[in-house]
Amino acid sequence: SPLWLGLAMFYLAFSRGENPKFSYFFIGFKSWIRSM
């Protein structure tokens, strides 16, 4: 579930012209409960 959210956050940033680092993919774990 946090990886599912992290994937969306990563590609939203990417599609907006940003250059997210690989570690940004795990940002969903900061919203663990919410994502679950």
PDB file of all heavy atoms in Angstrom:
ATOM      1  N   SER A   1       0.814  -1.228   0.000  1.00  0.00           N
ATOM      2  CA  SER A   1       0.000   0.000   0.000  1.00  0.00           C
ATOM      3  C   SER A   1       0.847   1.278   0.000  1.00  0.00           C
ATOM      4  O   SER A   1       0.572   2.196  -0.793  1.00  0.00           O
ATOM      5  CB  SER A   1      -0.996  -0.009   1.155  1.00  0.00           C
ATOM      6  OG  SER A   1      -0.363  -0.205   2.397  1.00  0.00           O
ATOM      7  N   PRO A   2       1.895   1.397   0.828  1.00  0.00           N
ATOM      8  CA  PRO A   2       2.716   2.611   0.738  1.00  0.00           C
ATOM      9  C   PRO A   2       3.520   2.685  -0.558  1.00  0.00           C
ATOM     10  O   PRO A   2       3.796   3.783  -1.054  1.00  0.00           O
ATOM     11  CB  PRO A   2       3.632   2.520   1.961  1.00  0.00           C
ATOM     12  CG  PRO A   2       3.625   1.096   2.360  1.00  0.00           C
ATOM     13  CD  PRO A   2       2.296   0.560   1.974  1.00  0.00           C
ATOM     14  N   LEU A   3       3.884   1.530  -1.120  1.00  0.00           N
ATOM     15  CA  LEU A   3       4.586   1.533  -2.406  1.00  0.00           C
ATOM     16  C   LEU A   3       3.639   1.958  -3.528  1.00  0.00           C
ATOM     17  O   LEU A   3       4.045   2.644  -4.467  1.00  0.00           O
ATOM     18  CB  LEU A   3       5.166   0.146  -2.701  1.00  0.00           C
ATOM     19  CG  LEU A   3       6.302  -0.323  -1.794  1.00  0.00           C
ATOM     20  CD1 LEU A   3       6.778  -1.710  -2.216  1.00  0.00           C
ATOM     21  CD2 LEU A   3       7.472   0.663  -1.829  1.00  0.00           C
ATOM     22  N   TRP A   4       2.373   1.548  -3.420  1.00  0.00           N
ATOM     23  CA  TRP A   4       1.327   1.951  -4.368  1.00  0.00           C
ATOM     24  C   TRP A   4       1.176   3.471  -4.365  1.00  0.00           C
ATOM     25  O   TRP A   4       1.129   4.116  -5.425  1.00  0.00           O
ATOM     26  CB  TRP A   4       0.040   1.251  -3.956  1.00  0.00           C
ATOM     27  CG  TRP A   4      -1.248   1.677  -4.557  1.00  0.00           C
ATOM     28  CD1 TRP A   4      -1.669   1.484  -5.842  1.00  0.00           C
ATOM     29  CD2 TRP A   4      -2.338   2.328  -3.874  1.00  0.00           C
ATOM     30  NE1 TRP A   4      -2.939   1.978  -6.007  1.00  0.00           N
ATOM     31  CE2 TRP A   4      -3.369   2.498  -4.808  1.00  0.00           C
ATOM     32  CE3 TRP A   4      -2.537   2.762  -2.561  1.00  0.00           C
ATOM     33  CZ2 TRP A   4      -4.598   3.089  -4.498  1.00  0.00           C
ATOM     34  CZ3 TRP A   4      -3.747   3.360  -2.228  1.00  0.00           C
ATOM     35  CH2 TRP A   4      -4.760   3.515  -3.194  1.00  0.00           C
ATOM     36  N   LEU A   5       1.149   4.066  -3.159  1.00  0.00           N
ATOM     37  CA  LEU A   5       1.056   5.519  -3.041  1.00  0.00           C
ATOM     38  C   LEU A   5       2.356   6.178  -3.488  1.00  0.00           C
ATOM     39  O   LEU A   5       2.336   7.197  -4.194  1.00  0.00           O
ATOM     40  CB  LEU A   5       0.736   5.905  -1.592  1.00  0.00           C
ATOM     41  CG  LEU A   5       0.618   7.405  -1.289  1.00  0.00           C
ATOM     42  CD1 LEU A   5      -0.484   8.045  -2.120  1.00  0.00           C
ATOM     43  CD2 LEU A   5       0.364   7.626   0.205  1.00  0.00           C
ATOM     44  N   GLY A   6       3.473   5.598  -3.103  1.00  0.00           N
ATOM     45  CA  GLY A   6       4.773   6.152  -3.470  1.00  0.00           C
ATOM     46  C   GLY A   6       4.988   6.161  -4.972  1.00  0.00           C
ATOM     47  O   GLY A   6       5.562   7.110  -5.524  1.00  0.00           O
ATOM     48  N   LEU A   7       4.505   5.115  -5.639  1.00  0.00           N
ATOM     49  CA  LEU A   7       4.627   5.043  -7.100  1.00  0.00           C
ATOM     50  C   LEU A   7       3.857   6.187  -7.746  1.00  0.00           C
ATOM     51  O   LEU A   7       4.355   6.825  -8.683  1.00  0.00           O
ATOM     52  CB  LEU A   7       4.093   3.693  -7.586  1.00  0.00           C
ATOM     53  CG  LEU A   7       4.429   3.300  -9.029  1.00  0.00           C
ATOM     54  CD1 LEU A   7       5.910   2.961  -9.166  1.00  0.00           C
ATOM     55  CD2 LEU A   7       3.592   2.089  -9.461  1.00  0.00           C
ATOM     56  N   ALA A   8       2.654   6.460  -7.238  1.00  0.00           N
ATOM     57  CA  ALA A   8       1.841   7.557  -7.779  1.00  0.00           C
ATOM     58  C   ALA A   8       2.517   8.905  -7.528  1.00  0.00           C
ATOM     59  O   ALA A   8       2.552   9.772  -8.413  1.00  0.00           O
ATOM     60  CB  ALA A   8       0.455   7.536  -7.155  1.00  0.00           C
ATOM     61  N   MET A   9       3.063   9.088  -6.332  1.00  0.00           N
ATOM     62  CA  MET A   9       3.727  10.342  -5.993  1.00  0.00           C
ATOM     63  C   MET A   9       4.974  10.544  -6.844  1.00  0.00           C
ATOM     64  O   MET A   9       5.261  11.656  -7.307  1.00  0.00           O
ATOM     65  CB  MET A   9       4.071  10.364  -4.502  1.00  0.00           C
ATOM     66  CG  MET A   9       2.859  10.347  -3.594  1.00  0.00           C
ATOM     67  SD  MET A   9       3.244  10.281  -1.822  1.00  0.00           S
ATOM     68  CE  MET A   9       3.697  11.987  -1.531  1.00  0.00           C
ATOM     69  N   PHE A  10       5.709   9.469  -7.070  1.00  0.00           N
ATOM     70  CA  PHE A  10       6.922   9.529  -7.886  1.00  0.00           C
ATOM     71  C   PHE A  10       6.575   9.965  -9.310  1.00  0.00           C
ATOM     72  O   PHE A  10       7.207  10.878  -9.865  1.00  0.00           O
ATOM     73  CB  PHE A  10       7.604   8.157  -7.904  1.00  0.00           C
ATOM     74  CG  PHE A  10       8.883   8.117  -8.694  1.00  0.00           C
ATOM     75  CD1 PHE A  10      10.104   8.336  -8.074  1.00  0.00           C
ATOM     76  CD2 PHE A  10       8.868   7.863 -10.060  1.00  0.00           C
ATOM     77  CE1 PHE A  10      11.293   8.306  -8.797  1.00  0.00           C
ATOM     78  CE2 PHE A  10      10.051   7.829 -10.798  1.00  0.00           C
ATOM     79  CZ  PHE A  10      11.265   8.058 -10.158  1.00  0.00           C
ATOM     80  N   TYR A  11       5.545   9.326  -9.903  1.00  0.00           N
ATOM     81  CA  TYR A  11       5.236   9.622 -11.301  1.00  0.00           C
ATOM     82  C   TYR A  11       4.454  10.907 -11.493  1.00  0.00           C
ATOM     83  O   TYR A  11       4.513  11.510 -12.580  1.00  0.00           O
ATOM     84  CB  TYR A  11       4.542   8.423 -11.959  1.00  0.00           C
ATOM     85  CG  TYR A  11       5.573   7.397 -12.356  1.00  0.00           C
ATOM     86  CD1 TYR A  11       5.775   6.247 -11.609  1.00  0.00           C
ATOM     87  CD2 TYR A  11       6.407   7.627 -13.443  1.00  0.00           C
ATOM     88  CE1 TYR A  11       6.765   5.345 -11.944  1.00  0.00           C
ATOM     89  CE2 TYR A  11       7.402   6.737 -13.783  1.00  0.00           C
ATOM     90  CZ  TYR A  11       7.576   5.595 -13.033  1.00  0.00           C
ATOM     91  OH  TYR A  11       8.572   4.716 -13.366  1.00  0.00           O
ATOM     92  N   LEU A  12       3.766  11.374 -10.463  1.00  0.00           N
ATOM     93  CA  LEU A  12       3.164  12.703 -10.549  1.00  0.00           C
ATOM     94  C   LEU A  12       4.266  13.758 -10.606  1.00  0.00           C
ATOM     95  O   LEU A  12       4.216  14.686 -11.428  1.00  0.00           O
ATOM     96  CB  LEU A  12       2.261  12.968  -9.341  1.00  0.00           C
ATOM     97  CG  LEU A  12       0.781  12.618  -9.478  1.00  0.00           C
ATOM     98  CD1 LEU A  12       0.024  13.033  -8.216  1.00  0.00           C
ATOM     99  CD2 LEU A  12       0.152  13.278 -10.695  1.00  0.00           C
ATOM    100  N   ALA A  13       5.258  13.604  -9.735  1.00  0.00           N
ATOM    101  CA  ALA A  13       6.393  14.532  -9.735  1.00  0.00           C
ATOM    102  C   ALA A  13       7.132  14.464 -11.065  1.00  0.00           C
ATOM    103  O   ALA A  13       7.480  15.487 -11.667  1.00  0.00           O
ATOM    104  CB  ALA A  13       7.337  14.207  -8.574  1.00  0.00           C
ATOM    105  N   PHE A  14       7.329  13.249 -11.542  1.00  0.00           N
ATOM    106  CA  PHE A  14       8.059  13.041 -12.787  1.00  0.00           C
ATOM    107  C   PHE A  14       7.315  13.653 -13.970  1.00  0.00           C
ATOM    108  O   PHE A  14       7.913  14.305 -14.836  1.00  0.00           O
ATOM    109  CB  PHE A  14       8.278  11.540 -12.997  1.00  0.00           C
ATOM    110  CG  PHE A  14       9.139  11.218 -14.188  1.00  0.00           C
ATOM    111  CD1 PHE A  14      10.500  11.440 -14.152  1.00  0.00           C
ATOM    112  CD2 PHE A  14       8.576  10.698 -15.344  1.00  0.00           C
ATOM    113  CE1 PHE A  14      11.302  11.154 -15.250  1.00  0.00           C
ATOM    114  CE2 PHE A  14       9.366  10.403 -16.439  1.00  0.00           C
ATOM    115  CZ  PHE A  14      10.732  10.638 -16.394  1.00  0.00           C
ATOM    116  N   SER A  15       5.985  13.454 -14.022  1.00  0.00           N
ATOM    117  CA  SER A  15       5.192  13.966 -15.140  1.00  0.00           C
ATOM    118  C   SER A  15       5.111  15.487 -15.139  1.00  0.00           C
ATOM    119  O   SER A  15       4.811  16.107 -16.162  1.00  0.00           O
ATOM    120  CB  SER A  15       3.775  13.385 -15.103  1.00  0.00           C
ATOM    121  OG  SER A  15       3.028  13.924 -14.031  1.00  0.00           O
ATOM    122  N   ARG A  16       5.394  16.099 -13.977  1.00  0.00           N
ATOM    123  CA  ARG A  16       5.369  17.561 -13.870  1.00  0.00           C
ATOM    124  C   ARG A  16       6.724  18.199 -14.155  1.00  0.00           C
ATOM    125  O   ARG A  16       6.927  19.381 -13.903  1.00  0.00           O
ATOM    126  CB  ARG A  16       4.873  17.948 -12.468  1.00  0.00           C
ATOM    127  CG  ARG A  16       3.401  17.636 -12.258  1.00  0.00           C
ATOM    128  CD  ARG A  16       2.976  17.743 -10.821  1.00  0.00           C
ATOM    129  NE  ARG A  16       1.532  17.532 -10.684  1.00  0.00           N
ATOM    130  CZ  ARG A  16       0.904  17.348  -9.535  1.00  0.00           C
ATOM    131  NH1 ARG A  16       1.597  17.335  -8.406  1.00  0.00           N
ATOM    132  NH2 ARG A  16      -0.397  17.173  -9.508  1.00  0.00           N
ATOM    133  N   GLY A  17       7.640  17.394 -14.656  1.00  0.00           N
ATOM    134  CA  GLY A  17       8.931  17.919 -15.053  1.00  0.00           C
ATOM    135  C   GLY A  17       9.977  17.925 -13.969  1.00  0.00           C
ATOM    136  O   GLY A  17      11.087  18.436 -14.167  1.00  0.00           O
ATOM    137  N   GLU A  18       9.642  17.376 -12.807  1.00  0.00           N
ATOM    138  CA  GLU A  18      10.623  17.270 -11.739  1.00  0.00           C
ATOM    139  C   GLU A  18      11.508  16.046 -11.994  1.00  0.00           C
ATOM    140  O   GLU A  18      11.212  15.218 -12.845  1.00  0.00           O
ATOM    141  CB  GLU A  18       9.912  17.148 -10.384  1.00  0.00           C
ATOM    142  CG  GLU A  18       9.008  18.343 -10.057  1.00  0.00           C
ATOM    143  CD  GLU A  18       8.201  18.133  -8.794  1.00  0.00           C
ATOM    144  OE1 GLU A  18       8.665  17.382  -7.908  1.00  0.00           O
ATOM    145  OE2 GLU A  18       7.093  18.698  -8.708  1.00  0.00           O
ATOM    146  N   ASN A  19      12.582  15.940 -11.237  1.00  0.00           N
ATOM    147  CA  ASN A  19      13.491  14.796 -11.374  1.00  0.00           C
ATOM    148  C   ASN A  19      13.631  14.083 -10.031  1.00  0.00           C
ATOM    149  O   ASN A  19      14.672  14.192  -9.364  1.00  0.00           O
ATOM    150  CB  ASN A  19      14.861  15.259 -11.885  1.00  0.00           C
ATOM    151  CG  ASN A  19      14.802  15.749 -13.310  1.00  0.00           C
ATOM    152  OD1 ASN A  19      14.398  15.019 -14.213  1.00  0.00           O
ATOM    153  ND2 ASN A  19      15.190  16.994 -13.529  1.00  0.00           N
ATOM    154  N   PRO A  20      12.578  13.374  -9.609  1.00  0.00           N
ATOM    155  CA  PRO A  20      12.639  12.705  -8.307  1.00  0.00           C
ATOM    156  C   PRO A  20      13.727  11.642  -8.268  1.00  0.00           C
ATOM    157  O   PRO A  20      13.936  10.910  -9.249  1.00  0.00           O
ATOM    158  CB  PRO A  20      11.245  12.072  -8.175  1.00  0.00           C
ATOM    159  CG  PRO A  20      10.757  11.914  -9.586  1.00  0.00           C
ATOM    160  CD  PRO A  20      11.328  13.080 -10.332  1.00  0.00           C
ATOM    161  N   LYS A  21      14.408  11.560  -7.141  1.00  0.00           N
ATOM    162  CA  LYS A  21      15.422  10.529  -6.968  1.00  0.00           C
ATOM    163  C   LYS A  21      14.740   9.196  -6.669  1.00  0.00           C
ATOM    164  O   LYS A  21      13.564   9.149  -6.306  1.00  0.00           O
ATOM    165  CB  LYS A  21      16.373  10.905  -5.829  1.00  0.00           C
ATOM    166  CG  LYS A  21      17.195  12.151  -6.112  1.00  0.00           C
ATOM    167  CD  LYS A  21      18.128  12.458  -4.949  1.00  0.00           C
ATOM    168  CE  LYS A  21      18.961  13.700  -5.233  1.00  0.00           C
ATOM    169  NZ  LYS A  21      19.868  14.023  -4.099  1.00  0.00           N
ATOM    170  N   PHE A  22      15.490   8.127  -6.796  1.00  0.00           N
ATOM    171  CA  PHE A  22      14.946   6.791  -6.546  1.00  0.00           C
ATOM    172  C   PHE A  22      14.335   6.695  -5.150  1.00  0.00           C
ATOM    173  O   PHE A  22      13.268   6.090  -4.973  1.00  0.00           O
ATOM    174  CB  PHE A  22      16.057   5.738  -6.708  1.00  0.00           C
ATOM    175  CG  PHE A  22      15.657   4.366  -6.248  1.00  0.00           C
ATOM    176  CD1 PHE A  22      14.729   3.621  -6.960  1.00  0.00           C
ATOM    177  CD2 PHE A  22      16.201   3.829  -5.087  1.00  0.00           C
ATOM    178  CE1 PHE A  22      14.341   2.357  -6.530  1.00  0.00           C
ATOM    179  CE2 PHE A  22      15.822   2.564  -4.651  1.00  0.00           C
ATOM    180  CZ  PHE A  22      14.891   1.827  -5.377  1.00  0.00           C
ATOM    181  N   SER A  23      14.946   7.325  -4.165  1.00  0.00           N
ATOM    182  CA  SER A  23      14.462   7.249  -2.779  1.00  0.00           C
ATOM    183  C   SER A  23      13.062   7.840  -2.630  1.00  0.00           C
ATOM    184  O   SER A  23      12.327   7.477  -1.703  1.00  0.00           O
ATOM    185  CB  SER A  23      15.426   7.972  -1.838  1.00  0.00           C
ATOM    186  OG  SER A  23      15.589   9.331  -2.231  1.00  0.00           O
ATOM    187  N   TYR A  24      12.666   8.718  -3.545  1.00  0.00           N
ATOM    188  CA  TYR A  24      11.344   9.347  -3.468  1.00  0.00           C
ATOM    189  C   TYR A  24      10.229   8.325  -3.651  1.00  0.00           C
ATOM    190  O   TYR A  24       9.105   8.526  -3.189  1.00  0.00           O
ATOM    191  CB  TYR A  24      11.235  10.440  -4.534  1.00  0.00           C
ATOM    192  CG  TYR A  24      10.038  11.353  -4.353  1.00  0.00           C
ATOM    193  CD1 TYR A  24      10.006  12.295  -3.335  1.00  0.00           C
ATOM    194  CD2 TYR A  24       8.943  11.284  -5.209  1.00  0.00           C
ATOM    195  CE1 TYR A  24       8.922  13.139  -3.155  1.00  0.00           C
ATOM    196  CE2 TYR A  24       7.846  12.115  -5.038  1.00  0.00           C
ATOM    197  CZ  TYR A  24       7.846  13.047  -4.016  1.00  0.00           C
ATOM    198  OH  TYR A  24       6.765  13.861  -3.845  1.00  0.00           O
ATOM    199  N   PHE A  25      10.548   7.235  -4.303  1.00  0.00           N
ATOM    200  CA  PHE A  25       9.597   6.147  -4.524  1.00  0.00           C
ATOM    201  C   PHE A  25       9.065   5.596  -3.194  1.00  0.00           C
ATOM    202  O   PHE A  25       7.937   5.096  -3.126  1.00  0.00           O
ATOM    203  CB  PHE A  25      10.301   5.050  -5.332  1.00  0.00           C
ATOM    204  CG  PHE A  25       9.588   3.736  -5.397  1.00  0.00           C
ATOM    205  CD1 PHE A  25       8.259   3.644  -5.774  1.00  0.00           C
ATOM    206  CD2 PHE A  25      10.257   2.554  -5.093  1.00  0.00           C
ATOM    207  CE1 PHE A  25       7.603   2.419  -5.843  1.00  0.00           C
ATOM    208  CE2 PHE A  25       9.614   1.330  -5.167  1.00  0.00           C
ATOM    209  CZ  PHE A  25       8.288   1.267  -5.534  1.00  0.00           C
ATOM    210  N   PHE A  26       9.855   5.718  -2.115  1.00  0.00           N
ATOM    211  CA  PHE A  26       9.464   5.176  -0.807  1.00  0.00           C
ATOM    212  C   PHE A  26       8.767   6.210   0.086  1.00  0.00           C
ATOM    213  O   PHE A  26       8.510   5.934   1.256  1.00  0.00           O
ATOM    214  CB  PHE A  26      10.704   4.636  -0.081  1.00  0.00           C
ATOM    215  CG  PHE A  26      11.373   3.509  -0.820  1.00  0.00           C
ATOM    216  CD1 PHE A  26      12.479   3.750  -1.619  1.00  0.00           C
ATOM    217  CD2 PHE A  26      10.876   2.213  -0.738  1.00  0.00           C
ATOM    218  CE1 PHE A  26      13.094   2.710  -2.318  1.00  0.00           C
ATOM    219  CE2 PHE A  26      11.480   1.169  -1.430  1.00  0.00           C
ATOM    220  CZ  PHE A  26      12.592   1.424  -2.223  1.00  0.00           C
ATOM    221  N   ILE A  27       8.428   7.365  -0.484  1.00  0.00           N
ATOM    222  CA  ILE A  27       7.822   8.426   0.321  1.00  0.00           C
ATOM    223  C   ILE A  27       6.451   8.029   0.863  1.00  0.00           C
ATOM    224  O   ILE A  27       5.973   8.581   1.852  1.00  0.00           O
ATOM    225  CB  ILE A  27       7.720   9.731  -0.506  1.00  0.00           C
ATOM    226  CG1 ILE A  27       7.463  10.914   0.422  1.00  0.00           C
ATOM    227  CG2 ILE A  27       6.654   9.615  -1.589  1.00  0.00           C
ATOM    228  CD1 ILE A  27       7.542  12.263  -0.269  1.00  0.00           C
ATOM    229  N   GLY A  28       5.814   7.053   0.221  1.00  0.00           N
ATOM    230  CA  GLY A  28       4.508   6.589   0.686  1.00  0.00           C
ATOM    231  C   GLY A  28       4.538   6.037   2.099  1.00  0.00           C
ATOM    232  O   GLY A  28       3.509   6.021   2.792  1.00  0.00           O
ATOM    233  N   PHE A  29       5.703   5.599   2.558  1.00  0.00           N
ATOM    234  CA  PHE A  29       5.822   5.063   3.919  1.00  0.00           C
ATOM    235  C   PHE A  29       5.640   6.160   4.975  1.00  0.00           C
ATOM    236  O   PHE A  29       5.387   5.858   6.136  1.00  0.00           O
ATOM    237  CB  PHE A  29       7.166   4.367   4.101  1.00  0.00           C
ATOM    238  CG  PHE A  29       7.218   3.009   3.454  1.00  0.00           C
ATOM    239  CD1 PHE A  29       7.736   2.861   2.177  1.00  0.00           C
ATOM    240  CD2 PHE A  29       6.728   1.890   4.113  1.00  0.00           C
ATOM    241  CE1 PHE A  29       7.779   1.609   1.562  1.00  0.00           C
ATOM    242  CE2 PHE A  29       6.760   0.633   3.511  1.00  0.00           C
ATOM    243  CZ  PHE A  29       7.282   0.489   2.230  1.00  0.00           C
ATOM    244  N   LYS A  30       5.753   7.432   4.563  1.00  0.00           N
ATOM    245  CA  LYS A  30       5.494   8.531   5.489  1.00  0.00           C
ATOM    246  C   LYS A  30       3.997   8.685   5.735  1.00  0.00           C
ATOM    247  O   LYS A  30       3.596   9.358   6.692  1.00  0.00           O
ATOM    248  CB  LYS A  30       6.075   9.833   4.935  1.00  0.00           C
ATOM    249  CG  LYS A  30       7.601   9.870   4.921  1.00  0.00           C
ATOM    250  CD  LYS A  30       8.108  11.219   4.465  1.00  0.00           C
ATOM    251  CE  LYS A  30       9.631  11.276   4.527  1.00  0.00           C
ATOM    252  NZ  LYS A  30      10.168  12.601   4.104  1.00  0.00           N
ATOM    253  N   SER A  31       3.193   8.108   4.845  1.00  0.00           N
ATOM    254  CA  SER A  31       1.729   8.130   4.993  1.00  0.00           C
ATOM    255  C   SER A  31       1.222   6.690   5.057  1.00  0.00           C
ATOM    256  O   SER A  31       0.253   6.326   4.386  1.00  0.00           O
ATOM    257  CB  SER A  31       1.089   8.878   3.821  1.00  0.00           C
ATOM    258  OG  SER A  31       1.590  10.178   3.709  1.00  0.00           O
ATOM    259  N   TRP A  32       1.904   5.884   5.842  1.00  0.00           N
ATOM    260  CA  TRP A  32       1.665   4.443   5.893  1.00  0.00           C
ATOM    261  C   TRP A  32       0.204   4.098   6.214  1.00  0.00           C
ATOM    262  O   TRP A  32      -0.449   3.362   5.477  1.00  0.00           O
ATOM    263  CB  TRP A  32       2.580   3.820   6.940  1.00  0.00           C
ATOM    264  CG  TRP A  32       2.917   2.381   6.686  1.00  0.00           C
ATOM    265  CD1 TRP A  32       2.174   1.464   5.989  1.00  0.00           C
ATOM    266  CD2 TRP A  32       4.099   1.694   7.094  1.00  0.00           C
ATOM    267  NE1 TRP A  32       2.806   0.248   5.958  1.00  0.00           N
ATOM    268  CE2 TRP A  32       3.995   0.371   6.635  1.00  0.00           C
ATOM    269  CE3 TRP A  32       5.223   2.070   7.827  1.00  0.00           C
ATOM    270  CZ2 TRP A  32       4.985  -0.580   6.880  1.00  0.00           C
ATOM    271  CZ3 TRP A  32       6.210   1.120   8.064  1.00  0.00           C
ATOM    272  CH2 TRP A  32       6.082  -0.188   7.584  1.00  0.00           C
ATOM    273  N   ILE A  33      -0.303   4.638   7.309  1.00  0.00           N
ATOM    274  CA  ILE A  33      -1.669   4.327   7.745  1.00  0.00           C
ATOM    275  C   ILE A  33      -2.681   4.776   6.697  1.00  0.00           C
ATOM    276  O   ILE A  33      -3.614   4.044   6.358  1.00  0.00           O
ATOM    277  CB  ILE A  33      -1.978   4.988   9.102  1.00  0.00           C
ATOM    278  CG1 ILE A  33      -0.969   4.528  10.169  1.00  0.00           C
ATOM    279  CG2 ILE A  33      -3.404   4.664   9.534  1.00  0.00           C
ATOM    280  CD1 ILE A  33      -0.967   3.036  10.409  1.00  0.00           C
ATOM    281  N   ARG A  34      -2.484   5.970   6.200  1.00  0.00           N
ATOM    282  CA  ARG A  34      -3.391   6.525   5.185  1.00  0.00           C
ATOM    283  C   ARG A  34      -3.405   5.665   3.929  1.00  0.00           C
ATOM    284  O   ARG A  34      -4.462   5.387   3.354  1.00  0.00           O
ATOM    285  CB  ARG A  34      -2.932   7.941   4.856  1.00  0.00           C
ATOM    286  CG  ARG A  34      -3.860   8.744   3.940  1.00  0.00           C
ATOM    287  CD  ARG A  34      -3.444  10.199   4.019  1.00  0.00           C
ATOM    288  NE  ARG A  34      -4.144  11.037   3.080  1.00  0.00           N
ATOM    289  CZ  ARG A  34      -3.591  11.550   1.983  1.00  0.00           C
ATOM    290  NH1 ARG A  34      -2.334  11.262   1.693  1.00  0.00           N
ATOM    291  NH2 ARG A  34      -4.286  12.334   1.181  1.00  0.00           N
ATOM    292  N   SER A  35      -2.232   5.236   3.504  1.00  0.00           N
ATOM    293  CA  SER A  35      -2.148   4.408   2.292  1.00  0.00           C
ATOM    294  C   SER A  35      -2.804   3.049   2.512  1.00  0.00           C
ATOM    295  O   SER A  35      -3.492   2.530   1.623  1.00  0.00           O
ATOM    296  CB  SER A  35      -0.686   4.232   1.861  1.00  0.00           C
ATOM    297  OG  SER A  35       0.049   3.473   2.811  1.00  0.00           O
ATOM    298  N   MET A  36      -2.629   2.464   3.702  1.00  0.00           N
ATOM    299  CA  MET A  36      -3.242   1.167   3.983  1.00  0.00           C
ATOM    300  C   MET A  36      -4.759   1.265   4.039  1.00  0.00           C
ATOM    301  O   MET A  36      -5.468   0.389   3.549  1.00  0.00           O
ATOM    302  CB  MET A  36      -2.690   0.597   5.296  1.00  0.00           C
ATOM    303  CG  MET A  36      -1.317  -0.016   5.169  1.00  0.00           C
ATOM    304  SD  MET A  36      -0.857  -1.017   6.612  1.00  0.00           S
ATOM    305  CE  MET A  36      -0.709   0.246   7.864  1.00  0.00           C
TER     306      MET A  36
END
